[in-house]
Amino acid sequence: MHDSSERRLCRECRHTYAKVIRALPAQVVIVRQIAYKQVRLTHLGHTPSRGVPPMPLNTRALKLIDRIHAQCCVVLGQVDSRYARLPLMPALRILGENVKRVPQLPAAVYDLREWRAIERDYEALTTPDEIKHPIGVCPKCNAPAAAHTWDKTYTCNHCGCSSIVADMVSEAKKALKNNRGGLGTSPKKVEKNRGHIYKPSCRA
C-alpha cells in the first residue's frame, strides 16, 4: 500500500495518465492478436487448409497481458475493493469510466511509473525488427545480434542464450578495436615518384 501523504501528480502528468488509460483497450487487442495467433498465412494472404503447423503461443505477449491485468486490478482496488478481481476486459472498461478519478488517487505517481514501463514493453513487442540496431554477436553461437535502444537484455533467436546488452556492446567495441590494431603497424609513408621530368631542348 502507498502512503496517502505522497505527492500527487501534476496537471501534465494527469493528462498523460488519462491518455495511457484510453489507449489500453486497443493495445490489449493488438497484444492478444500477437499472443494467440495460431495460423501462418501463405504468400496468397489466406490460411492454408492443411500442411502448415500452427504457430506457438507468444509467451512474451502473454506475460504482458497478465501484467496489464494485474496493474488494472491494483489501480481499481484503490477505487473499490470489489473491482480488484475483475477479468481484464471489464477492468479496462471500468478503468476508462474512472479516467478522471484514477490520476488523482494517492498512489497515482507509482501507478503511472508502472504504466509507463508497460507501455515501453508494448512498444518493444510491436516495433519491427528493422528498427533495431546492431549490438555485436551472440557470445555463445556468434550469430549477429540486434536490439532496441531501450533493451537491457538480449535473447538470441538461434540458441536462446541471454546476455546483457551493455556487455555485448562493450565486447563488440573491444573486438573492433583489436581488429583495427591487428591490421599491422601504421602504414609507411610512400615517397612520391617524381618520375622523369621532361625538359624540352632549346633549339637555335
N, C-alpha and C. Protein backbone atom coordinates (compact mmCIF):
# COMPACT_ATOMS: atom_id res chain seq x y z
N MET A 1 0.84 -1.20 0.00
CA MET A 1 0.00 0.00 0.00
C MET A 1 0.87 1.25 0.00
N HIS A 2 0.33 2.30 -0.50
CA HIS A 2 1.08 3.55 -0.58
C HIS A 2 0.55 4.53 0.46
N ASP A 3 1.43 5.30 1.02
CA ASP A 3 1.05 6.31 2.00
C ASP A 3 0.28 7.43 1.30
N SER A 4 -0.85 7.85 1.90
CA SER A 4 -1.68 8.89 1.30
C SER A 4 -1.01 10.26 1.33
N SER A 5 0.08 10.36 2.09
CA SER A 5 0.79 11.64 2.17
C SER A 5 1.71 11.87 0.97
N GLU A 6 1.83 10.88 0.08
CA GLU A 6 2.70 11.04 -1.08
C GLU A 6 2.19 12.15 -1.98
N ARG A 7 3.11 12.76 -2.71
CA ARG A 7 2.74 13.87 -3.57
C ARG A 7 1.84 13.39 -4.70
N ARG A 8 0.99 14.28 -5.17
CA ARG A 8 0.06 13.96 -6.25
C ARG A 8 0.69 14.29 -7.60
N LEU A 9 0.05 13.81 -8.64
CA LEU A 9 0.52 14.10 -10.00
C LEU A 9 0.22 15.54 -10.38
N CYS A 10 1.10 16.11 -11.17
CA CYS A 10 0.85 17.45 -11.69
C CYS A 10 -0.19 17.37 -12.80
N ARG A 11 -0.61 18.52 -13.29
CA ARG A 11 -1.66 18.55 -14.31
C ARG A 11 -1.23 17.84 -15.59
N GLU A 12 0.01 18.07 -16.00
CA GLU A 12 0.51 17.45 -17.23
C GLU A 12 0.58 15.93 -17.09
N CYS A 13 1.02 15.45 -15.93
CA CYS A 13 1.13 14.01 -15.70
C CYS A 13 -0.25 13.37 -15.61
N ARG A 14 -1.22 14.08 -15.05
CA ARG A 14 -2.59 13.56 -15.01
C ARG A 14 -3.14 13.40 -16.43
N HIS A 15 -2.80 14.37 -17.29
CA HIS A 15 -3.23 14.29 -18.69
C HIS A 15 -2.56 13.09 -19.38
N THR A 16 -1.27 12.87 -19.08
CA THR A 16 -0.55 11.73 -19.65
C THR A 16 -1.15 10.41 -19.17
N TYR A 17 -1.48 10.35 -17.88
CA TYR A 17 -2.09 9.15 -17.29
C TYR A 17 -3.41 8.84 -17.99
N ALA A 18 -4.23 9.86 -18.22
CA ALA A 18 -5.52 9.67 -18.89
C ALA A 18 -5.32 9.12 -20.31
N LYS A 19 -4.29 9.62 -21.01
CA LYS A 19 -4.01 9.13 -22.36
C LYS A 19 -3.61 7.66 -22.34
N VAL A 20 -2.82 7.28 -21.32
CA VAL A 20 -2.40 5.88 -21.19
C VAL A 20 -3.62 4.98 -20.99
N ILE A 21 -4.54 5.42 -20.12
CA ILE A 21 -5.74 4.62 -19.84
C ILE A 21 -6.60 4.45 -21.09
N ARG A 22 -6.78 5.54 -21.83
CA ARG A 22 -7.63 5.48 -23.03
C ARG A 22 -7.02 4.60 -24.13
N ALA A 23 -5.70 4.50 -24.15
CA ALA A 23 -5.03 3.70 -25.18
C ALA A 23 -4.99 2.21 -24.85
N LEU A 24 -5.26 1.84 -23.61
CA LEU A 24 -5.10 0.46 -23.17
C LEU A 24 -5.98 -0.55 -23.93
N PRO A 25 -7.29 -0.31 -24.11
CA PRO A 25 -8.12 -1.32 -24.79
C PRO A 25 -7.59 -1.71 -26.17
N ALA A 26 -7.22 -0.72 -26.97
CA ALA A 26 -6.70 -1.01 -28.31
C ALA A 26 -5.37 -1.76 -28.23
N GLN A 27 -4.53 -1.40 -27.26
CA GLN A 27 -3.24 -2.07 -27.11
C GLN A 27 -3.42 -3.53 -26.70
N VAL A 28 -4.39 -3.78 -25.81
CA VAL A 28 -4.65 -5.16 -25.37
C VAL A 28 -5.11 -6.02 -26.54
N VAL A 29 -5.95 -5.47 -27.39
CA VAL A 29 -6.41 -6.21 -28.58
C VAL A 29 -5.23 -6.61 -29.45
N ILE A 30 -4.31 -5.68 -29.67
CA ILE A 30 -3.14 -5.96 -30.51
C ILE A 30 -2.24 -7.01 -29.86
N VAL A 31 -2.01 -6.87 -28.55
CA VAL A 31 -1.15 -7.83 -27.85
C VAL A 31 -1.78 -9.22 -27.87
N ARG A 32 -3.10 -9.29 -27.74
CA ARG A 32 -3.78 -10.59 -27.80
C ARG A 32 -3.65 -11.22 -29.18
N GLN A 33 -3.72 -10.41 -30.21
CA GLN A 33 -3.56 -10.94 -31.56
C GLN A 33 -2.16 -11.50 -31.75
N ILE A 34 -1.18 -10.84 -31.16
CA ILE A 34 0.20 -11.34 -31.23
C ILE A 34 0.34 -12.62 -30.42
N ALA A 35 -0.28 -12.66 -29.25
CA ALA A 35 -0.12 -13.80 -28.34
C ALA A 35 -0.81 -15.06 -28.85
N TYR A 36 -2.01 -14.91 -29.38
CA TYR A 36 -2.83 -16.08 -29.71
C TYR A 36 -2.90 -16.38 -31.21
N LYS A 37 -2.03 -15.77 -32.00
CA LYS A 37 -2.03 -16.05 -33.43
C LYS A 37 -1.62 -17.51 -33.66
N GLN A 38 -2.55 -18.31 -34.15
CA GLN A 38 -2.32 -19.75 -34.23
C GLN A 38 -2.17 -20.26 -35.66
N VAL A 39 -2.17 -19.37 -36.66
CA VAL A 39 -2.04 -19.83 -38.04
C VAL A 39 -0.95 -19.03 -38.74
N ARG A 40 -0.42 -19.63 -39.77
CA ARG A 40 0.55 -18.94 -40.62
C ARG A 40 -0.12 -18.63 -41.95
N LEU A 41 -0.03 -17.41 -42.39
CA LEU A 41 -0.61 -17.02 -43.67
C LEU A 41 0.33 -17.41 -44.81
N THR A 42 -0.25 -17.86 -45.91
CA THR A 42 0.56 -18.17 -47.07
C THR A 42 0.89 -16.90 -47.82
N HIS A 43 1.67 -17.04 -48.88
CA HIS A 43 2.03 -15.86 -49.67
C HIS A 43 0.81 -15.28 -50.38
N LEU A 44 -0.30 -16.06 -50.47
CA LEU A 44 -1.53 -15.56 -51.08
C LEU A 44 -2.37 -14.76 -50.10
N GLY A 45 -1.99 -14.79 -48.82
CA GLY A 45 -2.69 -13.99 -47.83
C GLY A 45 -3.85 -14.68 -47.16
N HIS A 46 -3.98 -16.01 -47.32
CA HIS A 46 -5.08 -16.71 -46.64
C HIS A 46 -4.52 -17.88 -45.83
N THR A 47 -5.36 -18.42 -44.97
CA THR A 47 -4.94 -19.51 -44.11
C THR A 47 -4.97 -20.82 -44.88
N PRO A 48 -3.88 -21.55 -44.93
CA PRO A 48 -3.89 -22.83 -45.63
C PRO A 48 -4.74 -23.86 -44.90
N SER A 49 -5.39 -24.75 -45.66
CA SER A 49 -6.28 -25.73 -45.04
C SER A 49 -5.51 -26.83 -44.34
N ARG A 50 -4.36 -27.17 -44.85
CA ARG A 50 -3.57 -28.24 -44.23
C ARG A 50 -2.10 -28.09 -44.66
N GLY A 51 -1.28 -28.82 -43.96
CA GLY A 51 0.12 -28.87 -44.34
C GLY A 51 1.01 -27.85 -43.65
N VAL A 52 0.42 -26.89 -42.92
CA VAL A 52 1.22 -25.89 -42.22
C VAL A 52 0.94 -25.98 -40.73
N PRO A 53 1.93 -26.26 -39.90
CA PRO A 53 1.69 -26.40 -38.47
C PRO A 53 1.34 -25.07 -37.83
N PRO A 54 0.57 -25.07 -36.73
CA PRO A 54 0.22 -23.81 -36.06
C PRO A 54 1.43 -23.17 -35.41
N MET A 55 1.39 -21.86 -35.30
CA MET A 55 2.48 -21.14 -34.65
C MET A 55 2.37 -21.29 -33.14
N PRO A 56 3.47 -21.35 -32.42
CA PRO A 56 3.40 -21.44 -30.96
C PRO A 56 2.93 -20.13 -30.36
N LEU A 57 2.40 -20.21 -29.15
CA LEU A 57 1.95 -19.01 -28.45
C LEU A 57 3.14 -18.10 -28.17
N ASN A 58 2.91 -16.81 -28.24
CA ASN A 58 3.95 -15.82 -27.94
C ASN A 58 3.93 -15.57 -26.44
N THR A 59 4.84 -16.20 -25.72
CA THR A 59 4.85 -16.11 -24.26
C THR A 59 5.16 -14.69 -23.78
N ARG A 60 5.93 -13.97 -24.56
CA ARG A 60 6.24 -12.58 -24.18
C ARG A 60 4.98 -11.73 -24.18
N ALA A 61 4.13 -11.92 -25.18
CA ALA A 61 2.87 -11.18 -25.24
C ALA A 61 1.92 -11.63 -24.14
N LEU A 62 1.90 -12.92 -23.83
CA LEU A 62 1.04 -13.43 -22.76
C LEU A 62 1.42 -12.83 -21.41
N LYS A 63 2.72 -12.72 -21.17
CA LYS A 63 3.18 -12.12 -19.91
C LYS A 63 2.79 -10.65 -19.83
N LEU A 64 2.83 -9.96 -20.97
CA LEU A 64 2.44 -8.54 -20.97
C LEU A 64 0.95 -8.39 -20.69
N ILE A 65 0.12 -9.29 -21.21
CA ILE A 65 -1.32 -9.26 -20.91
C ILE A 65 -1.55 -9.45 -19.42
N ASP A 66 -0.87 -10.43 -18.84
CA ASP A 66 -1.00 -10.68 -17.39
C ASP A 66 -0.55 -9.47 -16.59
N ARG A 67 0.49 -8.81 -17.05
CA ARG A 67 1.00 -7.63 -16.33
C ARG A 67 0.00 -6.47 -16.40
N ILE A 68 -0.60 -6.27 -17.58
CA ILE A 68 -1.62 -5.22 -17.72
C ILE A 68 -2.81 -5.52 -16.83
N HIS A 69 -3.25 -6.78 -16.81
CA HIS A 69 -4.39 -7.18 -15.98
C HIS A 69 -4.10 -6.95 -14.50
N ALA A 70 -2.91 -7.35 -14.06
CA ALA A 70 -2.54 -7.17 -12.65
C ALA A 70 -2.51 -5.70 -12.26
N GLN A 71 -1.97 -4.85 -13.14
CA GLN A 71 -1.91 -3.42 -12.83
C GLN A 71 -3.30 -2.80 -12.82
N CYS A 72 -4.18 -3.25 -13.71
CA CYS A 72 -5.57 -2.77 -13.68
C CYS A 72 -6.22 -3.08 -12.34
N CYS A 73 -6.01 -4.30 -11.85
CA CYS A 73 -6.59 -4.70 -10.57
C CYS A 73 -6.02 -3.89 -9.41
N VAL A 74 -4.72 -3.60 -9.47
CA VAL A 74 -4.09 -2.79 -8.42
C VAL A 74 -4.71 -1.40 -8.37
N VAL A 75 -4.87 -0.78 -9.54
CA VAL A 75 -5.42 0.58 -9.61
C VAL A 75 -6.88 0.60 -9.21
N LEU A 76 -7.68 -0.32 -9.75
CA LEU A 76 -9.11 -0.34 -9.46
C LEU A 76 -9.40 -0.73 -8.02
N GLY A 77 -8.49 -1.49 -7.41
CA GLY A 77 -8.65 -1.84 -6.00
C GLY A 77 -8.61 -0.62 -5.10
N GLN A 78 -7.96 0.45 -5.56
CA GLN A 78 -7.94 1.70 -4.80
C GLN A 78 -9.25 2.47 -4.94
N VAL A 79 -9.96 2.22 -6.06
CA VAL A 79 -11.25 2.87 -6.28
C VAL A 79 -12.34 2.15 -5.50
N ASP A 80 -12.37 0.83 -5.63
CA ASP A 80 -13.36 -0.01 -4.93
C ASP A 80 -12.77 -1.41 -4.83
N SER A 81 -12.76 -1.95 -3.63
CA SER A 81 -12.15 -3.27 -3.42
C SER A 81 -12.84 -4.36 -4.23
N ARG A 82 -14.11 -4.14 -4.63
CA ARG A 82 -14.83 -5.14 -5.42
C ARG A 82 -14.26 -5.27 -6.83
N TYR A 83 -13.55 -4.24 -7.29
CA TYR A 83 -13.01 -4.25 -8.64
C TYR A 83 -11.66 -4.96 -8.74
N ALA A 84 -11.10 -5.37 -7.60
CA ALA A 84 -9.73 -5.89 -7.59
C ALA A 84 -9.60 -7.26 -8.25
N ARG A 85 -10.73 -7.97 -8.47
CA ARG A 85 -10.65 -9.32 -9.05
C ARG A 85 -11.45 -9.44 -10.35
N LEU A 86 -11.66 -8.34 -11.01
CA LEU A 86 -12.40 -8.36 -12.27
C LEU A 86 -11.57 -8.99 -13.39
N PRO A 87 -12.21 -9.63 -14.37
CA PRO A 87 -11.50 -10.05 -15.58
C PRO A 87 -10.94 -8.83 -16.31
N LEU A 88 -10.06 -9.08 -17.26
CA LEU A 88 -9.33 -7.99 -17.89
C LEU A 88 -10.23 -6.99 -18.62
N MET A 89 -11.10 -7.46 -19.51
CA MET A 89 -11.90 -6.54 -20.32
C MET A 89 -12.86 -5.70 -19.48
N PRO A 90 -13.60 -6.28 -18.51
CA PRO A 90 -14.41 -5.43 -17.62
C PRO A 90 -13.57 -4.45 -16.81
N ALA A 91 -12.36 -4.88 -16.42
CA ALA A 91 -11.47 -3.99 -15.67
C ALA A 91 -11.06 -2.80 -16.53
N LEU A 92 -10.77 -3.05 -17.80
CA LEU A 92 -10.41 -1.95 -18.70
C LEU A 92 -11.58 -1.00 -18.90
N ARG A 93 -12.79 -1.56 -18.97
CA ARG A 93 -13.98 -0.71 -19.17
C ARG A 93 -14.19 0.21 -17.96
N ILE A 94 -14.10 -0.35 -16.76
CA ILE A 94 -14.29 0.46 -15.55
C ILE A 94 -13.15 1.45 -15.37
N LEU A 95 -11.96 1.04 -15.76
CA LEU A 95 -10.81 1.96 -15.70
C LEU A 95 -11.06 3.17 -16.60
N GLY A 96 -11.62 2.92 -17.78
CA GLY A 96 -11.95 4.01 -18.69
C GLY A 96 -13.05 4.91 -18.15
N GLU A 97 -14.02 4.32 -17.43
CA GLU A 97 -15.10 5.11 -16.84
C GLU A 97 -14.60 6.01 -15.72
N ASN A 98 -13.50 5.61 -15.08
CA ASN A 98 -12.92 6.40 -13.98
C ASN A 98 -11.65 7.13 -14.41
N VAL A 99 -11.58 7.49 -15.70
CA VAL A 99 -10.36 8.08 -16.25
C VAL A 99 -10.01 9.41 -15.60
N LYS A 100 -10.98 10.12 -15.07
CA LYS A 100 -10.70 11.40 -14.40
C LYS A 100 -10.35 11.21 -12.93
N ARG A 101 -10.85 10.15 -12.35
CA ARG A 101 -10.62 9.92 -10.92
C ARG A 101 -9.29 9.22 -10.65
N VAL A 102 -8.95 8.27 -11.50
CA VAL A 102 -7.75 7.45 -11.27
C VAL A 102 -6.47 8.27 -11.17
N PRO A 103 -6.22 9.26 -12.06
CA PRO A 103 -4.98 10.04 -11.94
C PRO A 103 -4.88 10.88 -10.67
N GLN A 104 -5.97 11.00 -9.92
CA GLN A 104 -5.95 11.79 -8.69
C GLN A 104 -5.81 10.92 -7.44
N LEU A 105 -5.67 9.62 -7.62
CA LEU A 105 -5.50 8.72 -6.48
C LEU A 105 -4.16 8.96 -5.80
N PRO A 106 -4.06 8.68 -4.49
CA PRO A 106 -2.80 8.92 -3.77
C PRO A 106 -1.59 8.17 -4.35
N ALA A 107 -1.84 6.97 -4.88
CA ALA A 107 -0.73 6.16 -5.41
C ALA A 107 -0.51 6.36 -6.90
N ALA A 108 -1.09 7.41 -7.47
CA ALA A 108 -1.03 7.60 -8.92
C ALA A 108 0.40 7.78 -9.42
N VAL A 109 1.28 8.35 -8.61
CA VAL A 109 2.68 8.54 -9.02
C VAL A 109 3.34 7.20 -9.30
N TYR A 110 3.12 6.24 -8.39
CA TYR A 110 3.71 4.92 -8.56
C TYR A 110 3.03 4.15 -9.69
N ASP A 111 1.72 4.31 -9.77
CA ASP A 111 0.96 3.60 -10.81
C ASP A 111 1.36 4.07 -12.21
N LEU A 112 1.52 5.39 -12.38
CA LEU A 112 1.91 5.92 -13.68
C LEU A 112 3.30 5.42 -14.08
N ARG A 113 4.18 5.30 -13.11
CA ARG A 113 5.52 4.78 -13.38
C ARG A 113 5.44 3.35 -13.93
N GLU A 114 4.56 2.54 -13.34
CA GLU A 114 4.38 1.16 -13.81
C GLU A 114 3.73 1.12 -15.19
N TRP A 115 2.75 2.00 -15.41
CA TRP A 115 2.09 2.05 -16.72
C TRP A 115 3.07 2.44 -17.82
N ARG A 116 3.98 3.34 -17.50
CA ARG A 116 4.98 3.75 -18.49
C ARG A 116 5.92 2.60 -18.82
N ALA A 117 6.28 1.80 -17.81
CA ALA A 117 7.12 0.63 -18.06
C ALA A 117 6.38 -0.39 -18.93
N ILE A 118 5.10 -0.56 -18.68
CA ILE A 118 4.28 -1.45 -19.51
C ILE A 118 4.20 -0.94 -20.94
N GLU A 119 4.07 0.38 -21.08
CA GLU A 119 3.99 0.98 -22.41
C GLU A 119 5.29 0.76 -23.20
N ARG A 120 6.43 0.84 -22.50
CA ARG A 120 7.72 0.58 -23.16
C ARG A 120 7.80 -0.87 -23.64
N ASP A 121 7.30 -1.80 -22.81
CA ASP A 121 7.30 -3.20 -23.21
C ASP A 121 6.37 -3.43 -24.40
N TYR A 122 5.25 -2.71 -24.42
CA TYR A 122 4.32 -2.82 -25.55
C TYR A 122 5.00 -2.32 -26.83
N GLU A 123 5.69 -1.21 -26.74
CA GLU A 123 6.38 -0.66 -27.92
C GLU A 123 7.47 -1.61 -28.40
N ALA A 124 8.18 -2.23 -27.45
CA ALA A 124 9.22 -3.19 -27.82
C ALA A 124 8.62 -4.41 -28.51
N LEU A 125 7.43 -4.83 -28.06
CA LEU A 125 6.78 -6.00 -28.63
C LEU A 125 6.26 -5.74 -30.03
N THR A 126 5.79 -4.53 -30.27
CA THR A 126 5.14 -4.22 -31.55
C THR A 126 6.04 -3.49 -32.54
N THR A 127 7.27 -3.16 -32.14
CA THR A 127 8.19 -2.47 -33.05
C THR A 127 8.86 -3.47 -33.98
N PRO A 128 8.87 -3.23 -35.28
CA PRO A 128 9.52 -4.16 -36.22
C PRO A 128 11.00 -4.32 -35.93
N ASP A 129 11.54 -5.48 -36.30
CA ASP A 129 12.96 -5.76 -36.08
C ASP A 129 13.86 -4.83 -36.87
N GLU A 130 13.32 -4.25 -37.96
CA GLU A 130 14.14 -3.39 -38.79
C GLU A 130 14.62 -2.14 -38.06
N ILE A 131 13.90 -1.77 -36.98
CA ILE A 131 14.26 -0.56 -36.24
C ILE A 131 15.33 -0.85 -35.19
N LYS A 132 15.64 -2.13 -34.99
CA LYS A 132 16.68 -2.48 -34.03
C LYS A 132 18.06 -2.11 -34.59
N HIS A 133 19.00 -1.88 -33.69
CA HIS A 133 20.35 -1.54 -34.10
C HIS A 133 21.31 -2.66 -33.69
N PRO A 134 22.36 -2.91 -34.44
CA PRO A 134 23.30 -4.00 -34.13
C PRO A 134 24.05 -3.74 -32.83
N ILE A 135 24.22 -4.81 -32.04
CA ILE A 135 24.93 -4.69 -30.75
C ILE A 135 26.11 -5.65 -30.67
N GLY A 136 26.41 -6.34 -31.77
CA GLY A 136 27.52 -7.28 -31.75
C GLY A 136 27.07 -8.66 -32.18
N VAL A 137 27.63 -9.68 -31.52
CA VAL A 137 27.28 -11.07 -31.83
C VAL A 137 26.93 -11.80 -30.54
N CYS A 138 26.18 -12.89 -30.68
CA CYS A 138 25.84 -13.72 -29.53
C CYS A 138 27.12 -14.34 -28.97
N PRO A 139 27.36 -14.26 -27.66
CA PRO A 139 28.59 -14.80 -27.08
C PRO A 139 28.68 -16.32 -27.16
N LYS A 140 27.55 -16.99 -27.42
CA LYS A 140 27.55 -18.45 -27.45
C LYS A 140 27.69 -19.01 -28.87
N CYS A 141 26.87 -18.47 -29.81
CA CYS A 141 26.87 -19.04 -31.17
C CYS A 141 27.41 -18.07 -32.23
N ASN A 142 27.79 -16.87 -31.81
CA ASN A 142 28.36 -15.85 -32.72
C ASN A 142 27.39 -15.39 -33.81
N ALA A 143 26.10 -15.55 -33.57
CA ALA A 143 25.12 -15.05 -34.53
C ALA A 143 24.99 -13.53 -34.39
N PRO A 144 24.80 -12.79 -35.48
CA PRO A 144 24.63 -11.33 -35.38
C PRO A 144 23.46 -10.97 -34.47
N ALA A 145 23.67 -9.97 -33.63
CA ALA A 145 22.66 -9.58 -32.64
C ALA A 145 22.24 -8.14 -32.85
N ALA A 146 20.94 -7.88 -32.62
CA ALA A 146 20.40 -6.52 -32.73
C ALA A 146 19.36 -6.34 -31.64
N ALA A 147 19.21 -5.10 -31.17
CA ALA A 147 18.27 -4.82 -30.08
C ALA A 147 17.73 -3.40 -30.21
N HIS A 148 16.65 -3.14 -29.49
CA HIS A 148 16.11 -1.79 -29.43
C HIS A 148 16.98 -0.95 -28.50
N THR A 149 16.85 0.36 -28.60
CA THR A 149 17.67 1.25 -27.78
C THR A 149 17.34 1.12 -26.30
N TRP A 150 16.11 0.70 -25.99
CA TRP A 150 15.69 0.61 -24.58
C TRP A 150 15.91 -0.79 -23.99
N ASP A 151 16.34 -1.76 -24.79
CA ASP A 151 16.55 -3.12 -24.30
C ASP A 151 17.77 -3.19 -23.39
N LYS A 152 17.61 -3.88 -22.26
CA LYS A 152 18.72 -4.09 -21.33
C LYS A 152 19.31 -5.49 -21.46
N THR A 153 18.47 -6.44 -21.88
CA THR A 153 18.94 -7.81 -22.08
C THR A 153 18.62 -8.26 -23.51
N TYR A 154 19.38 -9.24 -23.98
CA TYR A 154 19.19 -9.77 -25.33
C TYR A 154 19.09 -11.28 -25.26
N THR A 155 18.12 -11.84 -25.97
CA THR A 155 17.95 -13.29 -26.07
C THR A 155 18.15 -13.69 -27.53
N CYS A 156 19.10 -14.57 -27.76
CA CYS A 156 19.43 -14.98 -29.12
C CYS A 156 18.30 -15.81 -29.73
N ASN A 157 17.94 -15.50 -30.96
CA ASN A 157 16.90 -16.26 -31.66
C ASN A 157 17.38 -17.62 -32.13
N HIS A 158 18.69 -17.82 -32.17
CA HIS A 158 19.25 -19.07 -32.68
C HIS A 158 19.47 -20.10 -31.57
N CYS A 159 20.14 -19.69 -30.50
CA CYS A 159 20.49 -20.65 -29.44
C CYS A 159 19.76 -20.40 -28.13
N GLY A 160 19.07 -19.25 -28.00
CA GLY A 160 18.32 -18.96 -26.78
C GLY A 160 19.17 -18.41 -25.65
N CYS A 161 20.41 -18.11 -25.93
CA CYS A 161 21.31 -17.57 -24.91
C CYS A 161 20.90 -16.14 -24.54
N SER A 162 20.87 -15.83 -23.25
CA SER A 162 20.52 -14.49 -22.78
C SER A 162 21.78 -13.76 -22.31
N SER A 163 21.89 -12.50 -22.69
CA SER A 163 23.06 -11.70 -22.34
C SER A 163 22.64 -10.27 -22.04
N ILE A 164 23.52 -9.54 -21.38
CA ILE A 164 23.28 -8.13 -21.08
C ILE A 164 23.75 -7.30 -22.27
N VAL A 165 22.88 -6.41 -22.74
CA VAL A 165 23.17 -5.62 -23.95
C VAL A 165 24.43 -4.79 -23.77
N ALA A 166 24.57 -4.14 -22.61
CA ALA A 166 25.73 -3.28 -22.37
C ALA A 166 27.04 -4.07 -22.47
N ASP A 167 27.04 -5.31 -21.95
CA ASP A 167 28.25 -6.14 -22.03
C ASP A 167 28.55 -6.53 -23.48
N MET A 168 27.50 -6.83 -24.25
CA MET A 168 27.70 -7.22 -25.64
C MET A 168 28.25 -6.06 -26.46
N VAL A 169 27.72 -4.85 -26.22
CA VAL A 169 28.21 -3.67 -26.93
C VAL A 169 29.67 -3.41 -26.58
N SER A 170 30.01 -3.58 -25.29
CA SER A 170 31.39 -3.37 -24.85
C SER A 170 32.34 -4.37 -25.52
N GLU A 171 31.91 -5.65 -25.58
CA GLU A 171 32.75 -6.67 -26.22
C GLU A 171 32.91 -6.39 -27.71
N ALA A 172 31.83 -5.91 -28.34
CA ALA A 172 31.90 -5.60 -29.77
C ALA A 172 32.89 -4.47 -30.04
N LYS A 173 32.89 -3.46 -29.16
CA LYS A 173 33.82 -2.34 -29.32
C LYS A 173 35.26 -2.81 -29.13
N LYS A 174 35.48 -3.70 -28.15
CA LYS A 174 36.83 -4.22 -27.92
C LYS A 174 37.31 -5.02 -29.12
N ALA A 175 36.42 -5.86 -29.65
CA ALA A 175 36.79 -6.68 -30.81
C ALA A 175 37.12 -5.81 -32.02
N LEU A 176 36.33 -4.77 -32.20
CA LEU A 176 36.58 -3.86 -33.32
C LEU A 176 37.92 -3.15 -33.16
N LYS A 177 38.21 -2.76 -31.92
CA LYS A 177 39.48 -2.08 -31.65
C LYS A 177 40.66 -3.01 -31.88
N ASN A 178 40.52 -4.27 -31.43
CA ASN A 178 41.60 -5.25 -31.61
C ASN A 178 41.83 -5.58 -33.08
N ASN A 179 40.74 -5.66 -33.82
CA ASN A 179 40.86 -5.95 -35.26
C ASN A 179 41.58 -4.83 -35.99
N ARG A 180 41.27 -3.63 -35.59
CA ARG A 180 41.95 -2.49 -36.22
C ARG A 180 43.42 -2.47 -35.87
N GLY A 181 43.73 -2.85 -34.60
CA GLY A 181 45.12 -2.88 -34.18
C GLY A 181 45.90 -4.02 -34.80
N GLY A 182 45.16 -5.10 -35.19
CA GLY A 182 45.83 -6.28 -35.74
C GLY A 182 46.11 -6.20 -37.22
N LEU A 183 45.74 -5.13 -37.82
CA LEU A 183 45.98 -5.00 -39.25
C LEU A 183 47.44 -4.71 -39.58
N GLY A 184 48.22 -4.50 -38.53
CA GLY A 184 49.64 -4.21 -38.77
C GLY A 184 49.99 -2.84 -38.25
N THR A 185 51.26 -2.52 -38.41
CA THR A 185 51.71 -1.22 -37.94
C THR A 185 51.17 -0.13 -38.85
N SER A 186 51.38 1.06 -38.42
CA SER A 186 50.89 2.18 -39.21
C SER A 186 51.53 2.16 -40.59
N PRO A 187 50.76 2.43 -41.61
CA PRO A 187 51.30 2.35 -42.98
C PRO A 187 52.48 3.29 -43.16
N LYS A 188 53.48 2.78 -43.89
CA LYS A 188 54.66 3.60 -44.14
C LYS A 188 54.33 4.70 -45.13
N LYS A 189 55.02 5.75 -44.97
CA LYS A 189 54.82 6.85 -45.90
C LYS A 189 55.41 6.48 -47.26
N VAL A 190 54.62 6.61 -48.25
CA VAL A 190 55.06 6.30 -49.61
C VAL A 190 55.66 7.55 -50.22
N GLU A 191 56.91 7.39 -50.63
CA GLU A 191 57.55 8.54 -51.24
C GLU A 191 56.98 8.78 -52.62
N LYS A 192 56.85 10.00 -52.95
CA LYS A 192 56.33 10.36 -54.27
C LYS A 192 57.33 9.97 -55.34
N ASN A 193 56.84 9.34 -56.36
CA ASN A 193 57.69 9.01 -57.51
C ASN A 193 57.64 10.19 -58.48
N ARG A 194 58.66 10.92 -58.38
CA ARG A 194 58.66 12.13 -59.19
C ARG A 194 58.70 11.80 -60.69
N GLY A 195 59.24 10.62 -61.03
CA GLY A 195 59.30 10.23 -62.44
C GLY A 195 60.30 11.08 -63.23
N HIS A 196 60.25 10.95 -64.53
CA HIS A 196 61.16 11.70 -65.40
C HIS A 196 60.53 13.03 -65.76
N ILE A 197 61.25 14.06 -65.47
CA ILE A 197 60.76 15.39 -65.78
C ILE A 197 61.23 15.76 -67.18
N TYR A 198 60.32 16.00 -68.05
CA TYR A 198 60.66 16.32 -69.44
C TYR A 198 61.07 17.78 -69.55
N LYS A 199 62.23 17.96 -70.07
CA LYS A 199 62.73 19.32 -70.30
C LYS A 199 62.97 19.50 -71.79
N PRO A 200 62.21 20.28 -72.41
CA PRO A 200 62.42 20.48 -73.86
C PRO A 200 63.76 21.15 -74.14
N SER A 201 64.43 20.63 -75.15
CA SER A 201 65.74 21.20 -75.51
C SER A 201 65.55 22.50 -76.28
N CYS A 202 66.48 23.39 -76.03
CA CYS A 202 66.40 24.69 -76.72
C CYS A 202 67.05 24.58 -78.09
N ARG A 203 66.35 24.96 -79.08
CA ARG A 203 66.89 24.92 -80.43
C ARG A 203 67.14 26.34 -80.92
N ALA A 204 68.25 26.47 -81.59
CA ALA A 204 68.60 27.80 -82.11
C ALA A 204 67.80 28.10 -83.35
